[in-house]
Amino acid sequence: MKHWLFALALAAMLLAGAPGAAARERTVTLRVPMYCATCPYIVQRTLERVAGVVAVTTSYREQSAVVTFDDDRVDVAALTAATAGIGFPSELVESD
């Protein structure tokens, strides 16, 4: 009986998979006009707070934000809306 329950539990775990196992990470580069030294920090913190965002790197010099996110939880439109919402309209430059 114990072997049968163990086999059933193992099969259920394998079928269910790890949480987020099917999620696909995607990385995009957004062009974000920034006007001062604190702008990259503000843009980065805003994007980091979007549900599904995994990592953000901003650059004042490049006027950009490189964003890695869970494609199942958020899309580029939500990222650009987040930056526009704080006064930094952005656009997609590059996508993986």
PDB file of N, CA and C in Angstrom:
ATOM      1  N   MET A   1       0.831  -1.205   0.000  1.00  0.00           N
ATOM      2  CA  MET A   1       0.000   0.000   0.000  1.00  0.00           C
ATOM      3  C   MET A   1       0.862   1.251   0.000  1.00  0.00           C
ATOM      4  N   LYS A   2       1.965   1.228   0.804  1.00  0.00           N
ATOM      5  CA  LYS A   2       2.827   2.412   0.875  1.00  0.00           C
ATOM      6  C   LYS A   2       3.478   2.687  -0.478  1.00  0.00           C
ATOM      7  N   HIS A   3       3.881   1.633  -1.188  1.00  0.00           N
ATOM      8  CA  HIS A   3       4.519   1.804  -2.491  1.00  0.00           C
ATOM      9  C   HIS A   3       3.552   2.421  -3.500  1.00  0.00           C
ATOM     10  N   TRP A   4       2.305   1.999  -3.436  1.00  0.00           N
ATOM     11  CA  TRP A   4       1.300   2.518  -4.339  1.00  0.00           C
ATOM     12  C   TRP A   4       1.076   4.009  -4.088  1.00  0.00           C
ATOM     13  N   LEU A   5       0.970   4.415  -2.816  1.00  0.00           N
ATOM     14  CA  LEU A   5       0.779   5.828  -2.480  1.00  0.00           C
ATOM     15  C   LEU A   5       1.988   6.672  -2.873  1.00  0.00           C
ATOM     16  N   PHE A   6       3.181   6.102  -2.654  1.00  0.00           N
ATOM     17  CA  PHE A   6       4.394   6.807  -3.045  1.00  0.00           C
ATOM     18  C   PHE A   6       4.425   7.027  -4.558  1.00  0.00           C
ATOM     19  N   ALA A   7       4.088   5.993  -5.312  1.00  0.00           N
ATOM     20  CA  ALA A   7       4.074   6.088  -6.773  1.00  0.00           C
ATOM     21  C   ALA A   7       3.048   7.109  -7.241  1.00  0.00           C
ATOM     22  N   LEU A   8       1.895   7.135  -6.614  1.00  0.00           N
ATOM     23  CA  LEU A   8       0.852   8.093  -6.962  1.00  0.00           C
ATOM     24  C   LEU A   8       1.303   9.523  -6.660  1.00  0.00           C
ATOM     25  N   ALA A   9       1.918   9.720  -5.496  1.00  0.00           N
ATOM     26  CA  ALA A   9       2.406  11.049  -5.135  1.00  0.00           C
ATOM     27  C   ALA A   9       3.508  11.506  -6.082  1.00  0.00           C
ATOM     28  N   LEU A  10       4.409  10.617  -6.432  1.00  0.00           N
ATOM     29  CA  LEU A  10       5.492  10.947  -7.359  1.00  0.00           C
ATOM     30  C   LEU A  10       4.935  11.314  -8.730  1.00  0.00           C
ATOM     31  N   ALA A  11       3.964  10.555  -9.207  1.00  0.00           N
ATOM     32  CA  ALA A  11       3.352  10.849 -10.499  1.00  0.00           C
ATOM     33  C   ALA A  11       2.662  12.211 -10.487  1.00  0.00           C
ATOM     34  N   ALA A  12       1.989  12.536  -9.408  1.00  0.00           N
ATOM     35  CA  ALA A  12       1.309  13.831  -9.297  1.00  0.00           C
ATOM     36  C   ALA A  12       2.313  14.978  -9.328  1.00  0.00           C
ATOM     37  N   MET A  13       3.453  14.809  -8.640  1.00  0.00           N
ATOM     38  CA  MET A  13       4.483  15.862  -8.634  1.00  0.00           C
ATOM     39  C   MET A  13       5.078  16.035 -10.028  1.00  0.00           C
ATOM     40  N   LEU A  14       5.317  14.951 -10.718  1.00  0.00           N
ATOM     41  CA  LEU A  14       5.893  15.036 -12.054  1.00  0.00           C
ATOM     42  C   LEU A  14       4.935  15.677 -13.049  1.00  0.00           C
ATOM     43  N   LEU A  15       3.655  15.344 -12.935  1.00  0.00           N
ATOM     44  CA  LEU A  15       2.667  15.937 -13.832  1.00  0.00           C
ATOM     45  C   LEU A  15       2.465  17.415 -13.548  1.00  0.00           C
ATOM     46  N   ALA A  16       2.497  17.782 -12.283  1.00  0.00           N
ATOM     47  CA  ALA A  16       2.286  19.178 -11.902  1.00  0.00           C
ATOM     48  C   ALA A  16       3.495  20.023 -12.261  1.00  0.00           C
ATOM     49  N   GLY A  17       4.686  19.459 -12.134  1.00  0.00           N
ATOM     50  CA  GLY A  17       5.905  20.209 -12.430  1.00  0.00           C
ATOM     51  C   GLY A  17       6.165  21.238 -11.357  1.00  0.00           C
ATOM     52  N   ALA A  18       7.291  21.866 -11.474  1.00  0.00           N
ATOM     53  CA  ALA A  18       7.638  22.924 -10.522  1.00  0.00           C
ATOM     54  C   ALA A  18       6.847  24.169 -10.868  1.00  0.00           C
ATOM     55  N   PRO A  19       6.485  24.971  -9.847  1.00  0.00           N
ATOM     56  CA  PRO A  19       5.761  26.207 -10.131  1.00  0.00           C
ATOM     57  C   PRO A  19       6.576  27.074 -11.080  1.00  0.00           C
ATOM     58  N   GLY A  20       5.923  27.558 -12.125  1.00  0.00           N
ATOM     59  CA  GLY A  20       6.594  28.422 -13.071  1.00  0.00           C
ATOM     60  C   GLY A  20       7.475  27.692 -14.069  1.00  0.00           C
ATOM     61  N   ALA A  21       7.425  26.366 -14.061  1.00  0.00           N
ATOM     62  CA  ALA A  21       8.295  25.610 -14.953  1.00  0.00           C
ATOM     63  C   ALA A  21       7.994  25.912 -16.418  1.00  0.00           C
ATOM     64  N   ALA A  22       6.744  26.200 -16.745  1.00  0.00           N
ATOM     65  CA  ALA A  22       6.378  26.480 -18.123  1.00  0.00           C
ATOM     66  C   ALA A  22       6.589  27.948 -18.487  1.00  0.00           C
ATOM     67  N   ALA A  23       6.869  28.775 -17.514  1.00  0.00           N
ATOM     68  CA  ALA A  23       7.058  30.202 -17.767  1.00  0.00           C
ATOM     69  C   ALA A  23       8.297  30.416 -18.625  1.00  0.00           C
ATOM     70  N   ARG A  24       8.209  31.410 -19.485  1.00  0.00           N
ATOM     71  CA  ARG A  24       9.322  31.727 -20.361  1.00  0.00           C
ATOM     72  C   ARG A  24       9.823  33.121 -20.016  1.00  0.00           C
ATOM     73  N   GLU A  25      11.102  33.186 -19.664  1.00  0.00           N
ATOM     74  CA  GLU A  25      11.692  34.491 -19.413  1.00  0.00           C
ATOM     75  C   GLU A  25      12.052  35.127 -20.732  1.00  0.00           C
ATOM     76  N   ARG A  26      11.821  36.407 -20.802  1.00  0.00           N
ATOM     77  CA  ARG A  26      12.086  37.173 -22.011  1.00  0.00           C
ATOM     78  C   ARG A  26      12.836  38.434 -21.599  1.00  0.00           C
ATOM     79  N   THR A  27      13.749  38.890 -22.438  1.00  0.00           N
ATOM     80  CA  THR A  27      14.495  40.112 -22.155  1.00  0.00           C
ATOM     81  C   THR A  27      14.287  41.090 -23.297  1.00  0.00           C
ATOM     82  N   VAL A  28      13.952  42.326 -22.930  1.00  0.00           N
ATOM     83  CA  VAL A  28      13.747  43.377 -23.921  1.00  0.00           C
ATOM     84  C   VAL A  28      14.545  44.611 -23.526  1.00  0.00           C
ATOM     85  N   THR A  29      14.831  45.419 -24.517  1.00  0.00           N
ATOM     86  CA  THR A  29      15.457  46.719 -24.273  1.00  0.00           C
ATOM     87  C   THR A  29      14.448  47.787 -24.644  1.00  0.00           C
ATOM     88  N   LEU A  30      14.220  48.690 -23.703  1.00  0.00           N
ATOM     89  CA  LEU A  30      13.308  49.808 -23.931  1.00  0.00           C
ATOM     90  C   LEU A  30      14.115  51.094 -24.050  1.00  0.00           C
ATOM     91  N   ARG A  31      13.742  51.945 -24.981  1.00  0.00           N
ATOM     92  CA  ARG A  31      14.324  53.282 -25.047  1.00  0.00           C
ATOM     93  C   ARG A  31      13.492  54.151 -24.110  1.00  0.00           C
ATOM     94  N   VAL A  32      14.182  54.765 -23.153  1.00  0.00           N
ATOM     95  CA  VAL A  32      13.494  55.574 -22.154  1.00  0.00           C
ATOM     96  C   VAL A  32      14.216  56.923 -22.054  1.00  0.00           C
ATOM     97  N   PRO A  33      13.582  58.014 -22.469  1.00  0.00           N
ATOM     98  CA  PRO A  33      14.227  59.312 -22.322  1.00  0.00           C
ATOM     99  C   PRO A  33      14.353  59.666 -20.836  1.00  0.00           C
ATOM    100  N   MET A  34      15.581  59.945 -20.418  1.00  0.00           N
ATOM    101  CA  MET A  34      15.853  60.299 -19.021  1.00  0.00           C
ATOM    102  C   MET A  34      16.595  61.627 -19.001  1.00  0.00           C
ATOM    103  N   TYR A  35      16.296  62.452 -17.995  1.00  0.00           N
ATOM    104  CA  TYR A  35      16.762  63.835 -17.998  1.00  0.00           C
ATOM    105  C   TYR A  35      17.749  64.188 -16.891  1.00  0.00           C
ATOM    106  N   CYS A  36      17.898  63.319 -15.914  1.00  0.00           N
ATOM    107  CA  CYS A  36      18.798  63.637 -14.806  1.00  0.00           C
ATOM    108  C   CYS A  36      19.393  62.348 -14.234  1.00  0.00           C
ATOM    109  N   ALA A  37      20.292  62.493 -13.305  1.00  0.00           N
ATOM    110  CA  ALA A  37      20.997  61.337 -12.736  1.00  0.00           C
ATOM    111  C   ALA A  37      20.087  60.417 -11.918  1.00  0.00           C
ATOM    112  N   THR A  38      18.985  60.939 -11.407  1.00  0.00           N
ATOM    113  CA  THR A  38      18.086  60.084 -10.614  1.00  0.00           C
ATOM    114  C   THR A  38      17.047  59.364 -11.469  1.00  0.00           C
ATOM    115  N   CYS A  39      16.876  59.784 -12.701  1.00  0.00           N
ATOM    116  CA  CYS A  39      15.877  59.161 -13.578  1.00  0.00           C
ATOM    117  C   CYS A  39      16.066  57.648 -13.719  1.00  0.00           C
ATOM    118  N   PRO A  40      17.291  57.159 -13.959  1.00  0.00           N
ATOM    119  CA  PRO A  40      17.445  55.702 -14.097  1.00  0.00           C
ATOM    120  C   PRO A  40      16.978  54.937 -12.865  1.00  0.00           C
ATOM    121  N   TYR A  41      17.235  55.500 -11.689  1.00  0.00           N
ATOM    122  CA  TYR A  41      16.808  54.852 -10.450  1.00  0.00           C
ATOM    123  C   TYR A  41      15.275  54.796 -10.384  1.00  0.00           C
ATOM    124  N   ILE A  42      14.624  55.883 -10.725  1.00  0.00           N
ATOM    125  CA  ILE A  42      13.162  55.941 -10.675  1.00  0.00           C
ATOM    126  C   ILE A  42      12.553  54.955 -11.665  1.00  0.00           C
ATOM    127  N   VAL A  43      13.092  54.919 -12.884  1.00  0.00           N
ATOM    128  CA  VAL A  43      12.594  53.991 -13.898  1.00  0.00           C
ATOM    129  C   VAL A  43      12.827  52.549 -13.454  1.00  0.00           C
ATOM    130  N   GLN A  44      14.020  52.263 -12.943  1.00  0.00           N
ATOM    131  CA  GLN A  44      14.333  50.903 -12.503  1.00  0.00           C
ATOM    132  C   GLN A  44      13.396  50.451 -11.394  1.00  0.00           C
ATOM    133  N   ARG A  45      13.222  51.269 -10.379  1.00  0.00           N
ATOM    134  CA  ARG A  45      12.351  50.895  -9.249  1.00  0.00           C
ATOM    135  C   ARG A  45      10.909  50.688  -9.712  1.00  0.00           C
ATOM    136  N   THR A  46      10.454  51.509 -10.637  1.00  0.00           N
ATOM    137  CA  THR A  46       9.091  51.364 -11.152  1.00  0.00           C
ATOM    138  C   THR A  46       8.925  50.045 -11.893  1.00  0.00           C
ATOM    139  N   LEU A  47       9.866  49.728 -12.766  1.00  0.00           N
ATOM    140  CA  LEU A  47       9.771  48.483 -13.521  1.00  0.00           C
ATOM    141  C   LEU A  47       9.924  47.260 -12.623  1.00  0.00           C
ATOM    142  N   GLU A  48      10.766  47.344 -11.609  1.00  0.00           N
ATOM    143  CA  GLU A  48      10.935  46.224 -10.678  1.00  0.00           C
ATOM    144  C   GLU A  48       9.651  45.897  -9.933  1.00  0.00           C
ATOM    145  N   ARG A  49       8.783  46.864  -9.780  1.00  0.00           N
ATOM    146  CA  ARG A  49       7.529  46.664  -9.050  1.00  0.00           C
ATOM    147  C   ARG A  49       6.416  46.072  -9.906  1.00  0.00           C
ATOM    148  N   VAL A  50       6.645  45.958 -11.206  1.00  0.00           N
ATOM    149  CA  VAL A  50       5.645  45.351 -12.084  1.00  0.00           C
ATOM    150  C   VAL A  50       5.675  43.838 -11.857  1.00  0.00           C
ATOM    151  N   ALA A  51       4.513  43.268 -11.569  1.00  0.00           N
ATOM    152  CA  ALA A  51       4.426  41.823 -11.321  1.00  0.00           C
ATOM    153  C   ALA A  51       4.932  41.055 -12.527  1.00  0.00           C
ATOM    154  N   GLY A  52       5.854  40.132 -12.287  1.00  0.00           N
ATOM    155  CA  GLY A  52       6.405  39.314 -13.349  1.00  0.00           C
ATOM    156  C   GLY A  52       7.781  39.752 -13.818  1.00  0.00           C
ATOM    157  N   VAL A  53       8.211  40.940 -13.403  1.00  0.00           N
ATOM    158  CA  VAL A  53       9.543  41.413 -13.783  1.00  0.00           C
ATOM    159  C   VAL A  53      10.573  40.718 -12.906  1.00  0.00           C
ATOM    160  N   VAL A  54      11.615  40.192 -13.543  1.00  0.00           N
ATOM    161  CA  VAL A  54      12.655  39.441 -12.854  1.00  0.00           C
ATOM    162  C   VAL A  54      13.877  40.314 -12.574  1.00  0.00           C
ATOM    163  N   ALA A  55      14.270  41.132 -13.554  1.00  0.00           N
ATOM    164  CA  ALA A  55      15.469  41.967 -13.397  1.00  0.00           C
ATOM    165  C   ALA A  55      15.366  43.191 -14.302  1.00  0.00           C
ATOM    166  N   VAL A  56      15.979  44.288 -13.839  1.00  0.00           N
ATOM    167  CA  VAL A  56      15.996  45.529 -14.611  1.00  0.00           C
ATOM    168  C   VAL A  56      17.367  46.164 -14.482  1.00  0.00           C
ATOM    169  N   THR A  57      17.900  46.615 -15.616  1.00  0.00           N
ATOM    170  CA  THR A  57      19.129  47.403 -15.627  1.00  0.00           C
ATOM    171  C   THR A  57      18.846  48.653 -16.445  1.00  0.00           C
ATOM    172  N   THR A  58      19.089  49.813 -15.854  1.00  0.00           N
ATOM    173  CA  THR A  58      18.855  51.064 -16.574  1.00  0.00           C
ATOM    174  C   THR A  58      20.179  51.777 -16.841  1.00  0.00           C
ATOM    175  N   SER A  59      20.178  52.592 -17.880  1.00  0.00           N
ATOM    176  CA  SER A  59      21.373  53.349 -18.235  1.00  0.00           C
ATOM    177  C   SER A  59      20.987  54.751 -18.679  1.00  0.00           C
ATOM    178  N   TYR A  60      21.492  55.731 -17.949  1.00  0.00           N
ATOM    179  CA  TYR A  60      21.275  57.123 -18.341  1.00  0.00           C
ATOM    180  C   TYR A  60      22.013  57.405 -19.640  1.00  0.00           C
ATOM    181  N   ARG A  61      23.221  56.914 -19.736  1.00  0.00           N
ATOM    182  CA  ARG A  61      24.058  57.136 -20.922  1.00  0.00           C
ATOM    183  C   ARG A  61      23.401  56.586 -22.191  1.00  0.00           C
ATOM    184  N   GLU A  62      22.847  55.386 -22.081  1.00  0.00           N
ATOM    185  CA  GLU A  62      22.209  54.744 -23.234  1.00  0.00           C
ATOM    186  C   GLU A  62      20.735  55.125 -23.372  1.00  0.00           C
ATOM    187  N   GLN A  63      20.188  55.807 -22.360  1.00  0.00           N
ATOM    188  CA  GLN A  63      18.768  56.170 -22.348  1.00  0.00           C
ATOM    189  C   GLN A  63      17.913  54.911 -22.536  1.00  0.00           C
ATOM    190  N   SER A  64      18.229  53.888 -21.729  1.00  0.00           N
ATOM    191  CA  SER A  64      17.561  52.605 -21.922  1.00  0.00           C
ATOM    192  C   SER A  64      17.310  51.865 -20.619  1.00  0.00           C
ATOM    193  N   ALA A  65      16.441  50.882 -20.739  1.00  0.00           N
ATOM    194  CA  ALA A  65      16.181  49.932 -19.657  1.00  0.00           C
ATOM    195  C   ALA A  65      16.151  48.542 -20.281  1.00  0.00           C
ATOM    196  N   VAL A  66      16.934  47.637 -19.725  1.00  0.00           N
ATOM    197  CA  VAL A  66      16.927  46.242 -20.155  1.00  0.00           C
ATOM    198  C   VAL A  66      16.126  45.486 -19.095  1.00  0.00           C
ATOM    199  N   VAL A  67      15.044  44.868 -19.533  1.00  0.00           N
ATOM    200  CA  VAL A  67      14.099  44.250 -18.604  1.00  0.00           C
ATOM    201  C   VAL A  67      13.952  42.763 -18.921  1.00  0.00           C
ATOM    202  N   THR A  68      14.143  41.936 -17.908  1.00  0.00           N
ATOM    203  CA  THR A  68      13.885  40.497 -18.014  1.00  0.00           C
ATOM    204  C   THR A  68      12.608  40.225 -17.234  1.00  0.00           C
ATOM    205  N   PHE A  69      11.678  39.515 -17.872  1.00  0.00           N
ATOM    206  CA  PHE A  69      10.379  39.301 -17.239  1.00  0.00           C
ATOM    207  C   PHE A  69       9.796  37.954 -17.629  1.00  0.00           C
ATOM    208  N   ASP A  70       8.813  37.525 -16.864  1.00  0.00           N
ATOM    209  CA  ASP A  70       8.071  36.296 -17.098  1.00  0.00           C
ATOM    210  C   ASP A  70       7.002  36.596 -18.141  1.00  0.00           C
ATOM    211  N   ASP A  71       7.154  36.026 -19.311  1.00  0.00           N
ATOM    212  CA  ASP A  71       6.270  36.285 -20.439  1.00  0.00           C
ATOM    213  C   ASP A  71       4.830  35.856 -20.177  1.00  0.00           C
ATOM    214  N   ASP A  72       4.623  34.971 -19.216  1.00  0.00           N
ATOM    215  CA  ASP A  72       3.268  34.531 -18.879  1.00  0.00           C
ATOM    216  C   ASP A  72       2.557  35.510 -17.952  1.00  0.00           C
ATOM    217  N   ARG A  73       3.309  36.376 -17.292  1.00  0.00           N
ATOM    218  CA  ARG A  73       2.716  37.267 -16.289  1.00  0.00           C
ATOM    219  C   ARG A  73       2.628  38.724 -16.722  1.00  0.00           C
ATOM    220  N   VAL A  74       3.481  39.130 -17.654  1.00  0.00           N
ATOM    221  CA  VAL A  74       3.506  40.538 -18.058  1.00  0.00           C
ATOM    222  C   VAL A  74       3.952  40.622 -19.506  1.00  0.00           C
ATOM    223  N   ASP A  75       3.574  41.701 -20.167  1.00  0.00           N
ATOM    224  CA  ASP A  75       3.993  41.897 -21.559  1.00  0.00           C
ATOM    225  C   ASP A  75       4.636  43.272 -21.719  1.00  0.00           C
ATOM    226  N   VAL A  76       5.156  43.519 -22.909  1.00  0.00           N
ATOM    227  CA  VAL A  76       5.861  44.775 -23.173  1.00  0.00           C
ATOM    228  C   VAL A  76       4.927  45.973 -22.995  1.00  0.00           C
ATOM    229  N   ALA A  77       3.686  45.831 -23.377  1.00  0.00           N
ATOM    230  CA  ALA A  77       2.726  46.929 -23.230  1.00  0.00           C
ATOM    231  C   ALA A  77       2.590  47.359 -21.771  1.00  0.00           C
ATOM    232  N   ALA A  78       2.602  46.403 -20.860  1.00  0.00           N
ATOM    233  CA  ALA A  78       2.512  46.728 -19.431  1.00  0.00           C
ATOM    234  C   ALA A  78       3.781  47.433 -18.953  1.00  0.00           C
ATOM    235  N   LEU A  79       4.929  47.045 -19.493  1.00  0.00           N
ATOM    236  CA  LEU A  79       6.186  47.690 -19.117  1.00  0.00           C
ATOM    237  C   LEU A  79       6.216  49.137 -19.594  1.00  0.00           C
ATOM    238  N   THR A  80       5.837  49.357 -20.849  1.00  0.00           N
ATOM    239  CA  THR A  80       5.839  50.725 -21.374  1.00  0.00           C
ATOM    240  C   THR A  80       4.769  51.576 -20.692  1.00  0.00           C
ATOM    241  N   ALA A  81       3.657  50.970 -20.318  1.00  0.00           N
ATOM    242  CA  ALA A  81       2.617  51.705 -19.586  1.00  0.00           C
ATOM    243  C   ALA A  81       3.120  52.113 -18.209  1.00  0.00           C
ATOM    244  N   ALA A  82       3.907  51.244 -17.568  1.00  0.00           N
ATOM    245  CA  ALA A  82       4.444  51.558 -16.237  1.00  0.00           C
ATOM    246  C   ALA A  82       5.381  52.765 -16.303  1.00  0.00           C
ATOM    247  N   THR A  83       6.256  52.802 -17.304  1.00  0.00           N
ATOM    248  CA  THR A  83       7.170  53.951 -17.404  1.00  0.00           C
ATOM    249  C   THR A  83       6.422  55.205 -17.815  1.00  0.00           C
ATOM    250  N   ALA A  84       5.472  55.086 -18.717  1.00  0.00           N
ATOM    251  CA  ALA A  84       4.678  56.250 -19.135  1.00  0.00           C
ATOM    252  C   ALA A  84       3.888  56.815 -17.963  1.00  0.00           C
ATOM    253  N   GLY A  85       3.434  55.928 -17.099  1.00  0.00           N
ATOM    254  CA  GLY A  85       2.648  56.350 -15.941  1.00  0.00           C
ATOM    255  C   GLY A  85       3.412  57.231 -14.968  1.00  0.00           C
ATOM    256  N   ILE A  86       4.734  57.189 -15.016  1.00  0.00           N
ATOM    257  CA  ILE A  86       5.532  58.038 -14.130  1.00  0.00           C
ATOM    258  C   ILE A  86       6.244  59.155 -14.914  1.00  0.00           C
ATOM    259  N   GLY A  87       5.793  59.360 -16.168  1.00  0.00           N
ATOM    260  CA  GLY A  87       6.329  60.465 -16.956  1.00  0.00           C
ATOM    261  C   GLY A  87       7.512  60.138 -17.838  1.00  0.00           C
ATOM    262  N   PHE A  88       7.784  58.839 -18.038  1.00  0.00           N
ATOM    263  CA  PHE A  88       8.886  58.413 -18.890  1.00  0.00           C
ATOM    264  C   PHE A  88       8.352  57.516 -19.997  1.00  0.00           C
ATOM    265  N   PRO A  89       7.793  58.095 -21.046  1.00  0.00           N
ATOM    266  CA  PRO A  89       7.283  57.238 -22.118  1.00  0.00           C
ATOM    267  C   PRO A  89       8.430  56.433 -22.735  1.00  0.00           C
ATOM    268  N   SER A  90       8.192  55.159 -22.960  1.00  0.00           N
ATOM    269  CA  SER A  90       9.257  54.287 -23.479  1.00  0.00           C
ATOM    270  C   SER A  90       8.749  53.544 -24.695  1.00  0.00           C
ATOM    271  N   GLU A  91       9.689  52.994 -25.451  1.00  0.00           N
ATOM    272  CA  GLU A  91       9.346  52.195 -26.609  1.00  0.00           C
ATOM    273  C   GLU A  91      10.298  51.024 -26.734  1.00  0.00           C
ATOM    274  N   LEU A  92       9.819  49.956 -27.324  1.00  0.00           N
ATOM    275  CA  LEU A  92      10.606  48.755 -27.521  1.00  0.00           C
ATOM    276  C   LEU A  92      11.691  49.016 -28.562  1.00  0.00           C
ATOM    277  N   VAL A  93      12.930  48.671 -28.213  1.00  0.00           N
ATOM    278  CA  VAL A  93      14.055  48.813 -29.129  1.00  0.00           C
ATOM    279  C   VAL A  93      14.520  47.451 -29.601  1.00  0.00           C
ATOM    280  N   GLU A  94      14.614  46.507 -28.662  1.00  0.00           N
ATOM    281  CA  GLU A  94      15.164  45.188 -28.982  1.00  0.00           C
ATOM    282  C   GLU A  94      14.477  44.143 -28.124  1.00  0.00           C
ATOM    283  N   SER A  95      14.277  42.973 -28.717  1.00  0.00           N
ATOM    284  CA  SER A  95      13.638  41.871 -28.003  1.00  0.00           C
ATOM    285  C   SER A  95      14.382  40.587 -28.310  1.00  0.00           C
ATOM    286  N   ASP A  96      14.413  39.659 -27.332  1.00  0.00           N
ATOM    287  CA  ASP A  96      15.074  38.369 -27.600  1.00  0.00           C
ATOM    288  C   ASP A  96      14.172  37.414 -28.302  1.00  0.00           C
TER     289      ASP A  96
END
